[in-house]
C-alpha atoms as a PDB file:
ATOM      1  CA  MET A   1     -12.883  38.330   3.754  1.00  0.00           C
ATOM      2  CA  ARG A   2     -13.451  34.693   3.249  1.00  0.00           C
ATOM      3  CA  LYS A   3     -10.545  32.086   4.006  1.00  0.00           C
ATOM      4  CA  LYS A   4      -9.554  30.373   0.937  1.00  0.00           C
ATOM      5  CA  TYR A   5      -8.954  26.143   1.596  1.00  0.00           C
ATOM      6  CA  LYS A   6      -6.504  24.418  -0.688  1.00  0.00           C
ATOM      7  CA  ASN A   7      -8.968  21.642  -0.452  1.00  0.00           C
ATOM      8  CA  PRO A   8     -12.265  23.261   0.492  1.00  0.00           C
ATOM      9  CA  PRO A   9     -14.621  20.923   2.531  1.00  0.00           C
ATOM     10  CA  VAL A  10     -17.704  19.409   0.798  1.00  0.00           C
ATOM     11  CA  VAL A  11     -20.918  21.437   2.132  1.00  0.00           C
ATOM     12  CA  GLU A  12     -24.269  19.884   2.202  1.00  0.00           C
ATOM     13  CA  ALA A  13     -27.489  20.391   3.500  1.00  0.00           C
ATOM     14  CA  LEU A  14     -30.447  18.080   3.036  1.00  0.00           C
ATOM     15  CA  CYS A  15     -34.091  19.555   3.867  1.00  0.00           C
ATOM     16  CA  GLU A  16     -37.468  18.009   3.563  1.00  0.00           C
ATOM     17  CA  PHE A  17     -40.583  19.800   4.181  1.00  0.00           C
ATOM     18  CA  PHE A  18     -43.579  18.266   4.999  1.00  0.00           C
ATOM     19  CA  PHE A  19     -47.013  20.372   5.476  1.00  0.00           C
ATOM     20  CA  SER A  20     -49.995  19.247   7.144  1.00  0.00           C
ATOM     21  CA  GLY A  21     -53.106  20.188   5.636  1.00  0.00           C
ATOM     22  CA  SER A  22     -51.950  21.760   2.511  1.00  0.00           C
ATOM     23  CA  LYS A  23     -52.988  21.109  -0.619  1.00  0.00           C
ATOM     24  CA  TRP A  24     -50.482  20.121  -2.803  1.00  0.00           C
ATOM     25  CA  ASP A  25     -50.391  21.559  -6.895  1.00  0.00           C
ATOM     26  CA  SER A  26     -48.322  19.670  -9.426  1.00  0.00           C
ATOM     27  CA  THR A  27     -47.296  23.170 -10.825  1.00  0.00           C
ATOM     28  CA  ILE A  28     -45.503  23.876  -7.618  1.00  0.00           C
ATOM     29  CA  PRO A  29     -41.930  22.523  -8.390  1.00  0.00           C
ATOM     30  CA  GLY A  30     -42.053  24.812 -11.938  1.00  0.00           C
ATOM     31  CA  MET A  31     -43.127  27.801  -9.949  1.00  0.00           C
ATOM     32  CA  PHE A  32     -39.827  27.205  -7.628  1.00  0.00           C
ATOM     33  CA  PHE A  33     -37.903  26.406 -11.082  1.00  0.00           C
ATOM     34  CA  ASP A  34     -38.800  29.641 -12.393  1.00  0.00           C
ATOM     35  CA  LYS A  35     -37.499  31.391  -9.505  1.00  0.00           C
ATOM     36  CA  ILE A  36     -33.656  29.348  -9.652  1.00  0.00           C
ATOM     37  CA  LYS A  37     -33.307  28.258 -13.234  1.00  0.00           C
ATOM     38  CA  GLN A  38     -30.861  31.059 -13.884  1.00  0.00           C
ATOM     39  CA  ASP A  39     -28.352  29.570 -11.466  1.00  0.00           C
ATOM     40  CA  TYR A  40     -29.703  26.046 -11.429  1.00  0.00           C
ATOM     41  CA  PRO A  41     -30.502  25.081 -15.024  1.00  0.00           C
ATOM     42  CA  ILE A  42     -30.178  21.168 -15.120  1.00  0.00           C
ATOM     43  CA  LYS A  43     -33.446  19.251 -13.992  1.00  0.00           C
ATOM     44  CA  LYS A  44     -33.390  15.323 -12.680  1.00  0.00           C
ATOM     45  CA  GLU A  45     -36.103  13.612 -11.422  1.00  0.00           C
ATOM     46  CA  LEU A  46     -35.599  10.625  -9.348  1.00  0.00           C
ATOM     47  CA  ASP A  47     -37.370   7.664  -7.945  1.00  0.00           C
ATOM     48  CA  GLN A  48     -37.589   7.734  -4.572  1.00  0.00           C
ATOM     49  CA  ILE A  49     -38.650   4.866  -2.059  1.00  0.00           C
ATOM     50  CA  GLY A  50     -38.801   5.965   1.431  1.00  0.00           C
ATOM     51  CA  VAL A  51     -39.608   3.212   5.034  1.00  0.00           C
ATOM     52  CA  GLU A  52     -41.643   5.036   7.645  1.00  0.00           C
ATOM     53  CA  VAL A  53     -41.809   3.124  11.077  1.00  0.00           C
ATOM     54  CA  SER A  54     -43.866   4.265  13.787  1.00  0.00           C
ATOM     55  CA  ILE A  55     -43.089   2.271  17.276  1.00  0.00           C
ATOM     56  CA  SER A  56     -44.807   2.815  20.397  1.00  0.00           C
ATOM     57  CA  SER A  57     -45.841   0.912  23.825  1.00  0.00           C
ATOM     58  CA  GLU A  58     -48.942   0.477  21.730  1.00  0.00           C
ATOM     59  CA  VAL A  59     -48.560   0.122  18.048  1.00  0.00           C
ATOM     60  CA  GLN A  60     -45.702  -0.964  15.858  1.00  0.00           C
ATOM     61  CA  LYS A  61     -45.917  -0.253  12.073  1.00  0.00           C
ATOM     62  CA  SER A  62     -44.253   0.144   9.278  1.00  0.00           C
ATOM     63  CA  HIS A  63     -44.903   0.852   5.385  1.00  0.00           C
ATOM     64  CA  VAL A  64     -42.911   1.561   2.378  1.00  0.00           C
ATOM     65  CA  MET A  65     -43.698   5.239   0.369  1.00  0.00           C
ATOM     66  CA  ARG A  66     -42.925   5.662  -3.213  1.00  0.00           C
ATOM     67  CA  GLY A  67     -42.343   8.804  -4.969  1.00  0.00           C
ATOM     68  CA  LYS A  68     -40.617  11.380  -6.999  1.00  0.00           C
ATOM     69  CA  ARG A  69     -37.765  13.915  -6.303  1.00  0.00           C
ATOM     70  CA  ILE A  70     -36.536  16.380  -8.378  1.00  0.00           C
ATOM     71  CA  GLN A  71     -32.783  17.875  -7.993  1.00  0.00           C
ATOM     72  CA  PHE A  72     -31.733  21.295  -9.747  1.00  0.00           C
ATOM     73  CA  LEU A  73     -28.073  21.459 -10.637  1.00  0.00           C
ATOM     74  CA  LYS A  74     -25.583  24.013 -11.287  1.00  0.00           C
ATOM     75  CA  PRO A  75     -24.348  23.831 -15.026  1.00  0.00           C
ATOM     76  CA  ASP A  76     -21.139  22.612 -13.312  1.00  0.00           C
ATOM     77  CA  GLY A  77     -22.589  19.818 -11.064  1.00  0.00           C
ATOM     78  CA  SER A  78     -21.192  21.755  -8.141  1.00  0.00           C
ATOM     79  CA  GLN A  79     -24.269  22.625  -6.137  1.00  0.00           C
ATOM     80  CA  LEU A  80     -27.760  21.147  -6.523  1.00  0.00           C
ATOM     81  CA  LEU A  81     -31.108  21.884  -4.774  1.00  0.00           C
END
C-alpha cells in the first residue's frame, strides 16, 4: 500500500542520452511519441543552449552548443518526458 502525503513531494528525473557512433534519424522522436502519446499527448519544442567545458593539464577549451529539446506532457501538466 502506497503512503499518501498531504503535500506530496515534487518528483523529477532528468536524463540525457548520448550515443557515440550512432546515426541520428530525425524520425526517432516521432516514433517515441507514437509509443507514449496516449499518456503524454502534448508536445512542446524548446530551444536549447549548452556550454561544454573541458579542462586538463594540457588543454582548456569550451564551446557553445545550440539545439532543440522536445517535451511530452500529460494533459494536466503534472508530468513530462
